[in-house]
Amino acid sequence: MRNRTGSAREARALLDVATRESDPDRVGAELDLIAEAMRTQPEVRAVLLHRGVAVARKLQAVQVIASRLGLTPLISKLLAVFAERECLRVVPELAGAYRARLLERRNIVPAEITTAVPLTAETADRVGRALGQASGKQVLVSTRVDPDIIGGVVARVGSTVYDGSVTTQLARMRQKLVENV
């Protein structure tokens, strides 16, 4: 699982098992929790990710973490296998890939709306509904402010970008003027 393809494959397999044997949402939340701890807690990083720590110590740490957090048996076993194979560092990437697969299975696509000024919740909801109609999927909206776009909206839905920013419109006008000269 050293690359995105491996993470996507592992995430798909984990989602299949979680759907059969557990609660897919809880499994995702637990993966996110462990990934966040690995990113933000130096003690966790020091024990789980440092190559100098013995596998037995990593296994012991994983068992303690799983017990204290009340992790599902599926995630507890997964972490133990990763500790034995010394590949715990892939958990954050796996968590992201798992979340993406879970949304995909539910026909939900993430959408990021970028504007020059903050949007009201009502406006963001309205834009999200329009993006949902355009994509044919349910849209999970996040917003971002970027004053550099001057005005308008840039929406990224999955891998598709709808760019209605003033900056892009000005660049197109400039290009047409250059071409006509």
N, C-alpha and C. Protein backbone atom coordinates (compact mmCIF):
# COMPACT_ATOMS: atom_id res chain seq x y z
N MET A 1 0.82 -1.19 0.00
CA MET A 1 0.00 0.00 0.00
C MET A 1 0.86 1.26 0.00
N ARG A 2 1.88 1.26 -0.76
CA ARG A 2 2.79 2.39 -0.78
C ARG A 2 2.36 3.47 -1.77
N ASN A 3 1.29 3.23 -2.54
CA ASN A 3 0.84 4.23 -3.50
C ASN A 3 -0.67 4.35 -3.45
N ARG A 4 -1.21 5.33 -4.21
CA ARG A 4 -2.65 5.58 -4.21
C ARG A 4 -3.44 4.38 -4.71
N THR A 5 -2.93 3.69 -5.72
CA THR A 5 -3.63 2.53 -6.25
C THR A 5 -3.76 1.46 -5.19
N GLY A 6 -2.68 1.23 -4.46
CA GLY A 6 -2.71 0.25 -3.37
C GLY A 6 -3.67 0.68 -2.28
N SER A 7 -3.65 1.94 -1.92
CA SER A 7 -4.57 2.43 -0.90
C SER A 7 -6.01 2.32 -1.34
N ALA A 8 -6.28 2.63 -2.60
CA ALA A 8 -7.65 2.53 -3.12
C ALA A 8 -8.11 1.07 -3.10
N ARG A 9 -7.24 0.16 -3.48
CA ARG A 9 -7.57 -1.27 -3.49
C ARG A 9 -7.83 -1.75 -2.06
N GLU A 10 -6.94 -1.40 -1.14
CA GLU A 10 -7.10 -1.80 0.25
C GLU A 10 -8.34 -1.17 0.87
N ALA A 11 -8.62 0.08 0.52
CA ALA A 11 -9.81 0.76 1.05
C ALA A 11 -11.08 0.08 0.56
N ARG A 12 -11.10 -0.30 -0.70
CA ARG A 12 -12.26 -0.99 -1.27
C ARG A 12 -12.48 -2.32 -0.56
N ALA A 13 -11.40 -3.07 -0.34
CA ALA A 13 -11.50 -4.35 0.35
C ALA A 13 -11.96 -4.15 1.80
N LEU A 14 -11.42 -3.16 2.47
CA LEU A 14 -11.82 -2.87 3.85
C LEU A 14 -13.29 -2.47 3.91
N LEU A 15 -13.73 -1.68 2.96
CA LEU A 15 -15.14 -1.28 2.93
C LEU A 15 -16.04 -2.49 2.72
N ASP A 16 -15.65 -3.40 1.86
CA ASP A 16 -16.43 -4.62 1.64
C ASP A 16 -16.55 -5.42 2.94
N VAL A 17 -15.44 -5.59 3.64
CA VAL A 17 -15.46 -6.34 4.89
C VAL A 17 -16.26 -5.58 5.95
N ALA A 18 -16.07 -4.27 6.03
CA ALA A 18 -16.80 -3.47 7.02
C ALA A 18 -18.30 -3.53 6.77
N THR A 19 -18.70 -3.56 5.51
CA THR A 19 -20.13 -3.64 5.16
C THR A 19 -20.71 -4.98 5.60
N ARG A 20 -19.94 -6.04 5.45
CA ARG A 20 -20.42 -7.38 5.84
C ARG A 20 -20.37 -7.61 7.34
N GLU A 21 -19.31 -7.15 7.99
CA GLU A 21 -19.04 -7.57 9.37
C GLU A 21 -19.16 -6.48 10.42
N SER A 22 -19.30 -5.25 10.02
CA SER A 22 -19.24 -4.16 10.99
C SER A 22 -20.10 -3.01 10.51
N ASP A 23 -19.85 -1.84 11.05
CA ASP A 23 -20.53 -0.61 10.65
C ASP A 23 -19.54 0.22 9.84
N PRO A 24 -19.78 0.39 8.53
CA PRO A 24 -18.82 1.12 7.69
C PRO A 24 -18.53 2.55 8.17
N ASP A 25 -19.54 3.23 8.71
CA ASP A 25 -19.31 4.58 9.21
C ASP A 25 -18.40 4.58 10.44
N ARG A 26 -18.62 3.63 11.32
CA ARG A 26 -17.79 3.55 12.53
C ARG A 26 -16.35 3.19 12.15
N VAL A 27 -16.19 2.27 11.21
CA VAL A 27 -14.85 1.89 10.76
C VAL A 27 -14.13 3.12 10.20
N GLY A 28 -14.85 3.92 9.39
CA GLY A 28 -14.25 5.14 8.84
C GLY A 28 -13.88 6.14 9.92
N ALA A 29 -14.76 6.29 10.89
CA ALA A 29 -14.48 7.23 11.99
C ALA A 29 -13.26 6.77 12.80
N GLU A 30 -13.15 5.46 13.01
CA GLU A 30 -12.00 4.94 13.76
C GLU A 30 -10.71 5.12 12.98
N LEU A 31 -10.75 4.88 11.68
CA LEU A 31 -9.56 5.11 10.85
C LEU A 31 -9.16 6.59 10.90
N ASP A 32 -10.15 7.47 10.80
CA ASP A 32 -9.87 8.91 10.86
C ASP A 32 -9.25 9.29 12.21
N LEU A 33 -9.77 8.69 13.29
CA LEU A 33 -9.26 8.98 14.63
C LEU A 33 -7.80 8.56 14.77
N ILE A 34 -7.48 7.36 14.32
CA ILE A 34 -6.10 6.87 14.39
C ILE A 34 -5.19 7.71 13.49
N ALA A 35 -5.66 8.02 12.29
CA ALA A 35 -4.86 8.83 11.36
C ALA A 35 -4.58 10.21 11.96
N GLU A 36 -5.59 10.81 12.57
CA GLU A 36 -5.41 12.13 13.19
C GLU A 36 -4.42 12.05 14.35
N ALA A 37 -4.50 11.00 15.15
CA ALA A 37 -3.56 10.82 16.26
C ALA A 37 -2.14 10.68 15.73
N MET A 38 -1.98 9.96 14.62
CA MET A 38 -0.65 9.80 14.03
C MET A 38 -0.10 11.12 13.51
N ARG A 39 -1.00 11.98 13.03
CA ARG A 39 -0.56 13.27 12.50
C ARG A 39 -0.26 14.28 13.60
N THR A 40 -1.00 14.23 14.70
CA THR A 40 -0.95 15.33 15.66
C THR A 40 -0.33 15.01 17.01
N GLN A 41 -0.21 13.74 17.36
CA GLN A 41 0.30 13.39 18.69
C GLN A 41 1.71 12.82 18.60
N PRO A 42 2.68 13.59 19.06
CA PRO A 42 4.08 13.15 18.96
C PRO A 42 4.34 11.80 19.62
N GLU A 43 3.66 11.52 20.74
CA GLU A 43 3.88 10.24 21.43
C GLU A 43 3.44 9.07 20.56
N VAL A 44 2.31 9.23 19.91
CA VAL A 44 1.79 8.17 19.04
C VAL A 44 2.73 7.98 17.86
N ARG A 45 3.14 9.08 17.24
CA ARG A 45 4.09 9.00 16.12
C ARG A 45 5.38 8.31 16.54
N ALA A 46 5.88 8.68 17.73
CA ALA A 46 7.15 8.15 18.20
C ALA A 46 7.11 6.63 18.35
N VAL A 47 6.02 6.11 18.85
CA VAL A 47 5.93 4.66 19.07
C VAL A 47 5.52 3.91 17.80
N LEU A 48 4.50 4.39 17.12
CA LEU A 48 3.95 3.64 16.00
C LEU A 48 4.72 3.81 14.68
N LEU A 49 5.34 4.96 14.48
CA LEU A 49 5.93 5.23 13.18
C LEU A 49 7.45 5.18 13.14
N HIS A 50 8.09 5.18 14.29
CA HIS A 50 9.55 5.20 14.31
C HIS A 50 10.10 3.81 13.99
N ARG A 51 11.02 3.74 13.05
CA ARG A 51 11.58 2.46 12.62
C ARG A 51 12.42 1.79 13.71
N GLY A 52 12.90 2.55 14.66
CA GLY A 52 13.73 2.00 15.72
C GLY A 52 12.95 1.28 16.81
N VAL A 53 11.62 1.42 16.82
CA VAL A 53 10.80 0.77 17.83
C VAL A 53 10.51 -0.66 17.38
N ALA A 54 10.72 -1.60 18.29
CA ALA A 54 10.51 -3.02 17.97
C ALA A 54 9.05 -3.31 17.63
N VAL A 55 8.86 -4.29 16.76
CA VAL A 55 7.51 -4.68 16.34
C VAL A 55 6.67 -5.08 17.55
N ALA A 56 7.27 -5.79 18.49
CA ALA A 56 6.53 -6.23 19.69
C ALA A 56 6.01 -5.01 20.47
N ARG A 57 6.81 -3.98 20.55
CA ARG A 57 6.39 -2.75 21.25
C ARG A 57 5.27 -2.06 20.50
N LYS A 58 5.35 -2.04 19.16
CA LYS A 58 4.29 -1.44 18.35
C LYS A 58 2.98 -2.22 18.52
N LEU A 59 3.08 -3.54 18.52
CA LEU A 59 1.89 -4.38 18.72
C LEU A 59 1.25 -4.10 20.08
N GLN A 60 2.09 -3.98 21.09
CA GLN A 60 1.59 -3.69 22.43
C GLN A 60 0.89 -2.33 22.45
N ALA A 61 1.49 -1.33 21.81
CA ALA A 61 0.91 0.01 21.76
C ALA A 61 -0.43 -0.01 21.02
N VAL A 62 -0.49 -0.74 19.91
CA VAL A 62 -1.73 -0.85 19.14
C VAL A 62 -2.82 -1.49 19.99
N GLN A 63 -2.48 -2.53 20.75
CA GLN A 63 -3.47 -3.18 21.62
C GLN A 63 -3.99 -2.23 22.69
N VAL A 64 -3.10 -1.45 23.28
CA VAL A 64 -3.51 -0.49 24.30
C VAL A 64 -4.42 0.58 23.69
N ILE A 65 -4.03 1.10 22.55
CA ILE A 65 -4.84 2.13 21.88
C ILE A 65 -6.22 1.56 21.53
N ALA A 66 -6.25 0.37 20.96
CA ALA A 66 -7.52 -0.25 20.56
C ALA A 66 -8.42 -0.47 21.77
N SER A 67 -7.84 -0.90 22.86
CA SER A 67 -8.61 -1.15 24.07
C SER A 67 -9.16 0.15 24.66
N ARG A 68 -8.30 1.14 24.80
CA ARG A 68 -8.73 2.42 25.40
C ARG A 68 -9.77 3.13 24.56
N LEU A 69 -9.66 3.04 23.24
CA LEU A 69 -10.60 3.72 22.35
C LEU A 69 -11.83 2.88 22.03
N GLY A 70 -11.81 1.62 22.43
CA GLY A 70 -12.93 0.73 22.14
C GLY A 70 -13.12 0.51 20.65
N LEU A 71 -12.00 0.31 19.95
CA LEU A 71 -12.06 0.13 18.50
C LEU A 71 -12.74 -1.18 18.14
N THR A 72 -13.36 -1.21 16.97
CA THR A 72 -13.99 -2.43 16.47
C THR A 72 -12.91 -3.50 16.28
N PRO A 73 -13.30 -4.76 16.37
CA PRO A 73 -12.31 -5.82 16.14
C PRO A 73 -11.66 -5.72 14.76
N LEU A 74 -12.40 -5.27 13.77
CA LEU A 74 -11.86 -5.13 12.42
C LEU A 74 -10.68 -4.17 12.40
N ILE A 75 -10.84 -3.00 12.98
CA ILE A 75 -9.75 -2.01 12.98
C ILE A 75 -8.63 -2.45 13.91
N SER A 76 -8.96 -3.06 15.03
CA SER A 76 -7.93 -3.57 15.93
C SER A 76 -7.03 -4.58 15.23
N LYS A 77 -7.66 -5.52 14.50
CA LYS A 77 -6.89 -6.52 13.77
C LYS A 77 -6.07 -5.89 12.65
N LEU A 78 -6.67 -4.94 11.94
CA LEU A 78 -5.97 -4.27 10.85
C LEU A 78 -4.72 -3.56 11.37
N LEU A 79 -4.86 -2.85 12.47
CA LEU A 79 -3.70 -2.15 13.04
C LEU A 79 -2.63 -3.13 13.49
N ALA A 80 -3.04 -4.28 14.05
CA ALA A 80 -2.08 -5.29 14.47
C ALA A 80 -1.31 -5.85 13.26
N VAL A 81 -2.03 -6.11 12.18
CA VAL A 81 -1.37 -6.61 10.96
C VAL A 81 -0.39 -5.56 10.43
N PHE A 82 -0.81 -4.30 10.41
CA PHE A 82 0.06 -3.23 9.93
C PHE A 82 1.29 -3.09 10.84
N ALA A 83 1.10 -3.26 12.15
CA ALA A 83 2.24 -3.18 13.07
C ALA A 83 3.22 -4.31 12.80
N GLU A 84 2.69 -5.53 12.60
CA GLU A 84 3.56 -6.68 12.32
C GLU A 84 4.34 -6.49 11.03
N ARG A 85 3.70 -5.88 10.04
CA ARG A 85 4.36 -5.68 8.74
C ARG A 85 5.11 -4.36 8.68
N GLU A 86 5.11 -3.64 9.78
CA GLU A 86 5.77 -2.34 9.89
C GLU A 86 5.34 -1.37 8.78
N CYS A 87 4.02 -1.28 8.59
CA CYS A 87 3.50 -0.34 7.60
C CYS A 87 2.37 0.51 8.18
N LEU A 88 2.45 0.84 9.45
CA LEU A 88 1.43 1.68 10.08
C LEU A 88 1.39 3.07 9.47
N ARG A 89 2.47 3.49 8.83
CA ARG A 89 2.51 4.85 8.26
C ARG A 89 1.49 5.05 7.14
N VAL A 90 0.92 3.97 6.61
CA VAL A 90 -0.06 4.11 5.53
C VAL A 90 -1.48 4.35 6.05
N VAL A 91 -1.68 4.31 7.36
CA VAL A 91 -3.03 4.47 7.91
C VAL A 91 -3.67 5.80 7.50
N PRO A 92 -2.99 6.94 7.58
CA PRO A 92 -3.65 8.18 7.15
C PRO A 92 -4.09 8.15 5.68
N GLU A 93 -3.27 7.61 4.82
CA GLU A 93 -3.63 7.51 3.40
C GLU A 93 -4.80 6.55 3.21
N LEU A 94 -4.78 5.45 3.93
CA LEU A 94 -5.88 4.48 3.88
C LEU A 94 -7.18 5.12 4.37
N ALA A 95 -7.09 5.92 5.42
CA ALA A 95 -8.29 6.58 5.96
C ALA A 95 -8.93 7.48 4.91
N GLY A 96 -8.12 8.25 4.22
CA GLY A 96 -8.64 9.12 3.16
C GLY A 96 -9.24 8.33 2.01
N ALA A 97 -8.57 7.27 1.60
CA ALA A 97 -9.07 6.44 0.50
C ALA A 97 -10.37 5.73 0.91
N TYR A 98 -10.43 5.29 2.16
CA TYR A 98 -11.64 4.61 2.65
C TYR A 98 -12.83 5.57 2.64
N ARG A 99 -12.59 6.79 3.13
CA ARG A 99 -13.66 7.79 3.17
C ARG A 99 -14.16 8.08 1.75
N ALA A 100 -13.24 8.20 0.80
CA ALA A 100 -13.61 8.45 -0.59
C ALA A 100 -14.43 7.30 -1.16
N ARG A 101 -14.05 6.06 -0.87
CA ARG A 101 -14.79 4.89 -1.35
C ARG A 101 -16.18 4.81 -0.72
N LEU A 102 -16.28 5.16 0.56
CA LEU A 102 -17.57 5.14 1.24
C LEU A 102 -18.52 6.16 0.61
N LEU A 103 -18.02 7.36 0.34
CA LEU A 103 -18.84 8.38 -0.31
C LEU A 103 -19.23 7.94 -1.72
N GLU A 104 -18.29 7.37 -2.45
CA GLU A 104 -18.56 6.92 -3.81
C GLU A 104 -19.65 5.85 -3.82
N ARG A 105 -19.58 4.93 -2.88
CA ARG A 105 -20.58 3.87 -2.80
C ARG A 105 -21.97 4.44 -2.53
N ARG A 106 -22.01 5.55 -1.83
CA ARG A 106 -23.30 6.18 -1.50
C ARG A 106 -23.72 7.22 -2.53
N ASN A 107 -22.97 7.29 -3.64
CA ASN A 107 -23.25 8.23 -4.73
C ASN A 107 -23.17 9.69 -4.25
N ILE A 108 -22.19 9.94 -3.38
CA ILE A 108 -21.95 11.28 -2.87
C ILE A 108 -20.59 11.73 -3.39
N VAL A 109 -20.54 12.95 -3.89
CA VAL A 109 -19.29 13.48 -4.41
C VAL A 109 -18.94 14.75 -3.61
N PRO A 110 -17.68 14.89 -3.21
CA PRO A 110 -17.29 16.12 -2.51
C PRO A 110 -17.22 17.30 -3.49
N ALA A 111 -17.62 18.45 -3.03
CA ALA A 111 -17.55 19.67 -3.85
C ALA A 111 -16.96 20.78 -3.01
N GLU A 112 -16.00 21.48 -3.58
CA GLU A 112 -15.40 22.63 -2.90
C GLU A 112 -15.79 23.88 -3.68
N ILE A 113 -16.40 24.82 -2.98
CA ILE A 113 -16.82 26.07 -3.58
C ILE A 113 -15.88 27.16 -3.08
N THR A 114 -15.22 27.83 -4.01
CA THR A 114 -14.30 28.90 -3.67
C THR A 114 -14.88 30.23 -4.14
N THR A 115 -14.92 31.19 -3.24
CA THR A 115 -15.41 32.53 -3.55
C THR A 115 -14.45 33.57 -2.97
N ALA A 116 -14.62 34.80 -3.43
CA ALA A 116 -13.76 35.88 -2.94
C ALA A 116 -14.17 36.33 -1.55
N VAL A 117 -15.43 36.16 -1.22
CA VAL A 117 -15.95 36.53 0.11
C VAL A 117 -16.71 35.34 0.68
N PRO A 118 -16.84 35.26 1.99
CA PRO A 118 -17.55 34.12 2.58
C PRO A 118 -19.01 34.04 2.10
N LEU A 119 -19.48 32.82 1.88
CA LEU A 119 -20.87 32.59 1.49
C LEU A 119 -21.74 32.39 2.72
N THR A 120 -22.98 32.79 2.62
CA THR A 120 -23.93 32.46 3.68
C THR A 120 -24.25 30.97 3.54
N ALA A 121 -24.75 30.38 4.60
CA ALA A 121 -25.12 28.96 4.55
C ALA A 121 -26.19 28.72 3.50
N GLU A 122 -27.11 29.64 3.37
CA GLU A 122 -28.20 29.51 2.39
C GLU A 122 -27.65 29.51 0.97
N THR A 123 -26.72 30.43 0.69
CA THR A 123 -26.15 30.51 -0.65
C THR A 123 -25.31 29.27 -0.96
N ALA A 124 -24.53 28.81 0.00
CA ALA A 124 -23.73 27.60 -0.20
C ALA A 124 -24.63 26.40 -0.46
N ASP A 125 -25.74 26.33 0.25
CA ASP A 125 -26.70 25.24 0.05
C ASP A 125 -27.31 25.31 -1.35
N ARG A 126 -27.66 26.51 -1.78
CA ARG A 126 -28.25 26.70 -3.11
C ARG A 126 -27.25 26.31 -4.22
N VAL A 127 -26.00 26.73 -4.07
CA VAL A 127 -24.97 26.37 -5.05
C VAL A 127 -24.74 24.86 -5.02
N GLY A 128 -24.74 24.26 -3.82
CA GLY A 128 -24.57 22.82 -3.69
C GLY A 128 -25.67 22.04 -4.39
N ARG A 129 -26.91 22.50 -4.26
CA ARG A 129 -28.03 21.84 -4.95
C ARG A 129 -27.87 21.93 -6.47
N ALA A 130 -27.45 23.11 -6.95
CA ALA A 130 -27.24 23.27 -8.40
C ALA A 130 -26.11 22.35 -8.88
N LEU A 131 -25.05 22.23 -8.11
CA LEU A 131 -23.95 21.34 -8.48
C LEU A 131 -24.41 19.88 -8.46
N GLY A 132 -25.28 19.55 -7.52
CA GLY A 132 -25.83 18.21 -7.46
C GLY A 132 -26.65 17.88 -8.69
N GLN A 133 -27.43 18.84 -9.13
CA GLN A 133 -28.23 18.64 -10.34
C GLN A 133 -27.32 18.50 -11.57
N ALA A 134 -26.28 19.30 -11.62
CA ALA A 134 -25.36 19.25 -12.76
C ALA A 134 -24.58 17.93 -12.79
N SER A 135 -24.22 17.41 -11.62
CA SER A 135 -23.41 16.19 -11.56
C SER A 135 -24.25 14.92 -11.51
N GLY A 136 -25.52 15.06 -11.14
CA GLY A 136 -26.37 13.88 -11.02
C GLY A 136 -26.09 13.08 -9.76
N LYS A 137 -25.39 13.68 -8.82
CA LYS A 137 -25.05 13.00 -7.57
C LYS A 137 -25.39 13.89 -6.39
N GLN A 138 -25.41 13.30 -5.23
CA GLN A 138 -25.56 14.09 -4.02
C GLN A 138 -24.21 14.75 -3.75
N VAL A 139 -24.23 16.02 -3.37
CA VAL A 139 -22.99 16.77 -3.22
C VAL A 139 -22.75 17.10 -1.75
N LEU A 140 -21.54 16.85 -1.30
CA LEU A 140 -21.09 17.20 0.05
C LEU A 140 -20.24 18.46 -0.10
N VAL A 141 -20.79 19.60 0.31
CA VAL A 141 -20.18 20.90 0.02
C VAL A 141 -19.25 21.36 1.14
N SER A 142 -18.09 21.87 0.73
CA SER A 142 -17.21 22.62 1.62
C SER A 142 -16.92 23.95 0.93
N THR A 143 -16.72 24.99 1.72
CA THR A 143 -16.47 26.31 1.13
C THR A 143 -15.08 26.79 1.51
N ARG A 144 -14.57 27.65 0.67
CA ARG A 144 -13.24 28.23 0.88
C ARG A 144 -13.27 29.65 0.36
N VAL A 145 -12.53 30.53 1.01
CA VAL A 145 -12.44 31.93 0.57
C VAL A 145 -11.05 32.17 0.00
N ASP A 146 -11.02 32.76 -1.20
CA ASP A 146 -9.77 33.12 -1.86
C ASP A 146 -9.96 34.48 -2.51
N PRO A 147 -9.51 35.55 -1.87
CA PRO A 147 -9.72 36.90 -2.41
C PRO A 147 -9.07 37.10 -3.79
N ASP A 148 -8.12 36.26 -4.17
CA ASP A 148 -7.44 36.40 -5.45
C ASP A 148 -8.34 36.16 -6.65
N ILE A 149 -9.49 35.50 -6.45
CA ILE A 149 -10.37 35.27 -7.60
C ILE A 149 -11.23 36.49 -7.90
N ILE A 150 -11.12 37.53 -7.10
CA ILE A 150 -11.77 38.83 -7.25
C ILE A 150 -13.28 38.75 -7.05
N GLY A 151 -13.94 37.86 -7.73
CA GLY A 151 -15.39 37.68 -7.61
C GLY A 151 -15.80 36.43 -8.35
N GLY A 152 -17.07 36.10 -8.28
CA GLY A 152 -17.57 34.90 -8.93
C GLY A 152 -17.36 33.67 -8.08
N VAL A 153 -17.42 32.50 -8.72
CA VAL A 153 -17.32 31.23 -8.01
C VAL A 153 -16.47 30.26 -8.80
N VAL A 154 -15.65 29.50 -8.09
CA VAL A 154 -14.95 28.36 -8.66
C VAL A 154 -15.43 27.15 -7.87
N ALA A 155 -16.01 26.19 -8.57
CA ALA A 155 -16.52 24.99 -7.90
C ALA A 155 -15.81 23.77 -8.46
N ARG A 156 -15.30 22.96 -7.56
CA ARG A 156 -14.67 21.69 -7.94
C ARG A 156 -15.57 20.58 -7.43
N VAL A 157 -16.12 19.80 -8.35
CA VAL A 157 -16.98 18.67 -8.01
C VAL A 157 -16.26 17.42 -8.48
N GLY A 158 -15.74 16.67 -7.54
CA GLY A 158 -14.91 15.53 -7.93
C GLY A 158 -13.71 16.05 -8.69
N SER A 159 -13.52 15.62 -9.92
CA SER A 159 -12.39 16.08 -10.74
C SER A 159 -12.80 17.16 -11.74
N THR A 160 -14.07 17.57 -11.73
CA THR A 160 -14.56 18.59 -12.66
C THR A 160 -14.52 19.96 -11.99
N VAL A 161 -14.02 20.95 -12.72
CA VAL A 161 -13.93 22.31 -12.20
C VAL A 161 -14.82 23.22 -13.03
N TYR A 162 -15.70 23.95 -12.36
CA TYR A 162 -16.54 24.97 -12.98
C TYR A 162 -15.96 26.31 -12.53
N ASP A 163 -15.34 27.03 -13.46
CA ASP A 163 -14.66 28.27 -13.09
C ASP A 163 -15.42 29.48 -13.64
N GLY A 164 -16.11 30.15 -12.75
CA GLY A 164 -16.83 31.36 -13.11
C GLY A 164 -16.24 32.55 -12.38
N SER A 165 -14.94 32.52 -12.14
CA SER A 165 -14.29 33.60 -11.39
C SER A 165 -14.02 34.80 -12.30
N VAL A 166 -13.98 35.96 -11.72
CA VAL A 166 -13.68 37.19 -12.45
C VAL A 166 -12.24 37.11 -12.98
N THR A 167 -11.34 36.55 -12.19
CA THR A 167 -9.95 36.42 -12.63
C THR A 167 -9.85 35.63 -13.93
N THR A 168 -10.54 34.52 -14.03
CA THR A 168 -10.51 33.70 -15.25
C THR A 168 -11.16 34.43 -16.41
N GLN A 169 -12.27 35.10 -16.14
CA GLN A 169 -12.94 35.85 -17.21
C GLN A 169 -12.04 36.95 -17.75
N LEU A 170 -11.31 37.64 -16.86
CA LEU A 170 -10.38 38.67 -17.30
C LEU A 170 -9.23 38.07 -18.12
N ALA A 171 -8.75 36.91 -17.70
CA ALA A 171 -7.67 36.25 -18.43
C ALA A 171 -8.13 35.86 -19.84
N ARG A 172 -9.37 35.38 -19.95
CA ARG A 172 -9.91 35.03 -21.27
C ARG A 172 -10.04 36.27 -22.16
N MET A 173 -10.52 37.36 -21.57
CA MET A 173 -10.66 38.60 -22.34
C MET A 173 -9.28 39.08 -22.81
N ARG A 174 -8.29 39.01 -21.96
CA ARG A 174 -6.93 39.42 -22.31
C ARG A 174 -6.42 38.56 -23.46
N GLN A 175 -6.65 37.24 -23.39
CA GLN A 175 -6.20 36.33 -24.44
C GLN A 175 -6.86 36.67 -25.78
N LYS A 176 -8.14 36.96 -25.77
CA LYS A 176 -8.85 37.31 -27.00
C LYS A 176 -8.32 38.62 -27.58
N LEU A 177 -8.02 39.58 -26.72
CA LEU A 177 -7.46 40.85 -27.18
C LEU A 177 -6.09 40.64 -27.83
N VAL A 178 -5.27 39.80 -27.22
CA VAL A 178 -3.93 39.51 -27.75
C VAL A 178 -4.05 38.82 -29.10
N GLU A 179 -5.00 37.87 -29.21
CA GLU A 179 -5.18 37.13 -30.46
C GLU A 179 -5.66 38.04 -31.59
N ASN A 180 -6.43 39.07 -31.27
CA ASN A 180 -7.01 39.97 -32.28
C ASN A 180 -6.07 41.09 -32.68
N VAL A 181 -4.96 41.24 -32.00
CA VAL A 181 -4.05 42.33 -32.32
C VAL A 181 -3.07 41.93 -33.37
